[in-house]
Amino acid sequence: MQMGPWQLIIIAIVVLVLFGRGKISSLMGEVGKGITAFKKGVKDSTAELEDEAAKPAKDVTPEEKDKA
């Protein structure tokens, strides 16, 4: 079942009446802060992974023993 524009408008009005403009405004501000923090975390972890990949590889091959 798809919702038309009138149904969305009615839902928006009901939410506005129930919660009030100030509460919705502060909620949207918190959502924005959460999105910003998420993006920063993704950027930081990506940078950390790129730093690890840029380090030279450590040689871990075992040394061969003389067979004499």
C-alpha atoms as a PDB file:
ATOM      1  CA  MET A   1       0.000   0.000   0.000  1.00  0.00           C
ATOM      2  CA  GLN A   2       1.494   3.308  -1.079  1.00  0.00           C
ATOM      3  CA  MET A   3       0.991   6.504   0.837  1.00  0.00           C
ATOM      4  CA  GLY A   4      -0.110   9.544  -1.086  1.00  0.00           C
ATOM      5  CA  PRO A   5       0.868  13.128  -0.356  1.00  0.00           C
ATOM      6  CA  TRP A   6      -2.314  13.780   1.683  1.00  0.00           C
ATOM      7  CA  GLN A   7      -1.596  10.873   4.015  1.00  0.00           C
ATOM      8  CA  LEU A   8       1.959  12.148   4.588  1.00  0.00           C
ATOM      9  CA  ILE A   9       0.666  15.652   5.325  1.00  0.00           C
ATOM     10  CA  ILE A  10      -1.856  14.302   7.833  1.00  0.00           C
ATOM     11  CA  ILE A  11       0.831  12.207   9.557  1.00  0.00           C
ATOM     12  CA  ALA A  12       3.149  15.243   9.713  1.00  0.00           C
ATOM     13  CA  ILE A  13       0.387  17.353  11.285  1.00  0.00           C
ATOM     14  CA  VAL A  14      -0.406  14.663  13.878  1.00  0.00           C
ATOM     15  CA  VAL A  15       3.280  14.324  14.809  1.00  0.00           C
ATOM     16  CA  LEU A  16       3.616  18.098  15.086  1.00  0.00           C
ATOM     17  CA  VAL A  17       0.551  18.314  17.345  1.00  0.00           C
ATOM     18  CA  LEU A  18       1.696  15.430  19.554  1.00  0.00           C
ATOM     19  CA  PHE A  19       5.320  16.437  20.031  1.00  0.00           C
ATOM     20  CA  GLY A  20       5.390  20.167  19.357  1.00  0.00           C
ATOM     21  CA  ARG A  21       7.724  22.163  17.179  1.00  0.00           C
ATOM     22  CA  GLY A  22      10.524  22.492  19.771  1.00  0.00           C
ATOM     23  CA  LYS A  23      10.750  18.768  20.459  1.00  0.00           C
ATOM     24  CA  ILE A  24      10.846  17.895  16.755  1.00  0.00           C
ATOM     25  CA  SER A  25      13.473  20.580  16.145  1.00  0.00           C
ATOM     26  CA  SER A  26      15.725  19.259  18.916  1.00  0.00           C
ATOM     27  CA  LEU A  27      15.209  15.687  17.707  1.00  0.00           C
ATOM     28  CA  MET A  28      16.298  16.624  14.184  1.00  0.00           C
ATOM     29  CA  GLY A  29      19.354  18.384  15.646  1.00  0.00           C
ATOM     30  CA  GLU A  30      20.310  15.204  17.491  1.00  0.00           C
ATOM     31  CA  VAL A  31      19.834  13.143  14.332  1.00  0.00           C
ATOM     32  CA  GLY A  32      22.132  15.543  12.481  1.00  0.00           C
ATOM     33  CA  LYS A  33      24.789  15.244  15.207  1.00  0.00           C
ATOM     34  CA  GLY A  34      24.534  11.464  15.045  1.00  0.00           C
ATOM     35  CA  ILE A  35      24.989  11.433  11.278  1.00  0.00           C
ATOM     36  CA  THR A  36      27.998  13.752  11.579  1.00  0.00           C
ATOM     37  CA  ALA A  37      29.583  11.536  14.252  1.00  0.00           C
ATOM     38  CA  PHE A  38      28.973   8.431  12.125  1.00  0.00           C
ATOM     39  CA  LYS A  39      30.596  10.010   9.065  1.00  0.00           C
ATOM     40  CA  LYS A  40      33.595  11.115  11.160  1.00  0.00           C
ATOM     41  CA  GLY A  41      33.989   7.590  12.552  1.00  0.00           C
ATOM     42  CA  VAL A  42      33.882   6.058   9.083  1.00  0.00           C
ATOM     43  CA  LYS A  43      36.438   8.587   7.812  1.00  0.00           C
ATOM     44  CA  ASP A  44      38.762   7.966  10.758  1.00  0.00           C
ATOM     45  CA  SER A  45      38.606   4.184  10.427  1.00  0.00           C
ATOM     46  CA  THR A  46      39.182   4.393   6.670  1.00  0.00           C
ATOM     47  CA  ALA A  47      42.227   6.603   7.249  1.00  0.00           C
ATOM     48  CA  GLU A  48      43.533   4.147   9.862  1.00  0.00           C
ATOM     49  CA  LEU A  49      43.161   1.213   7.463  1.00  0.00           C
ATOM     50  CA  GLU A  50      44.909   3.153   4.691  1.00  0.00           C
ATOM     51  CA  ASP A  51      47.789   3.998   7.062  1.00  0.00           C
ATOM     52  CA  GLU A  52      48.186   0.322   7.959  1.00  0.00           C
ATOM     53  CA  ALA A  53      48.156  -0.661   4.271  1.00  0.00           C
ATOM     54  CA  ALA A  54      50.780   1.966   3.450  1.00  0.00           C
ATOM     55  CA  LYS A  55      53.306   0.550   5.927  1.00  0.00           C
ATOM     56  CA  PRO A  56      55.952  -1.634   4.322  1.00  0.00           C
ATOM     57  CA  ALA A  57      55.297  -5.339   4.607  1.00  0.00           C
ATOM     58  CA  LYS A  58      57.306  -7.147   7.239  1.00  0.00           C
ATOM     59  CA  ASP A  59      59.326 -10.106   5.973  1.00  0.00           C
ATOM     60  CA  VAL A  60      58.223 -13.134   7.978  1.00  0.00           C
ATOM     61  CA  THR A  61      59.698 -15.916   5.855  1.00  0.00           C
ATOM     62  CA  PRO A  62      61.754 -18.310   7.976  1.00  0.00           C
ATOM     63  CA  GLU A  63      65.464 -18.438   7.369  1.00  0.00           C
ATOM     64  CA  GLU A  64      66.667 -21.585   5.675  1.00  0.00           C
ATOM     65  CA  LYS A  65      68.993 -23.775   7.717  1.00  0.00           C
ATOM     66  CA  ASP A  66      72.198 -25.046   6.144  1.00  0.00           C
ATOM     67  CA  LYS A  67      71.875 -28.702   5.074  1.00  0.00           C
ATOM     68  CA  ALA A  68      75.490 -29.726   5.391  1.00  0.00           C
END
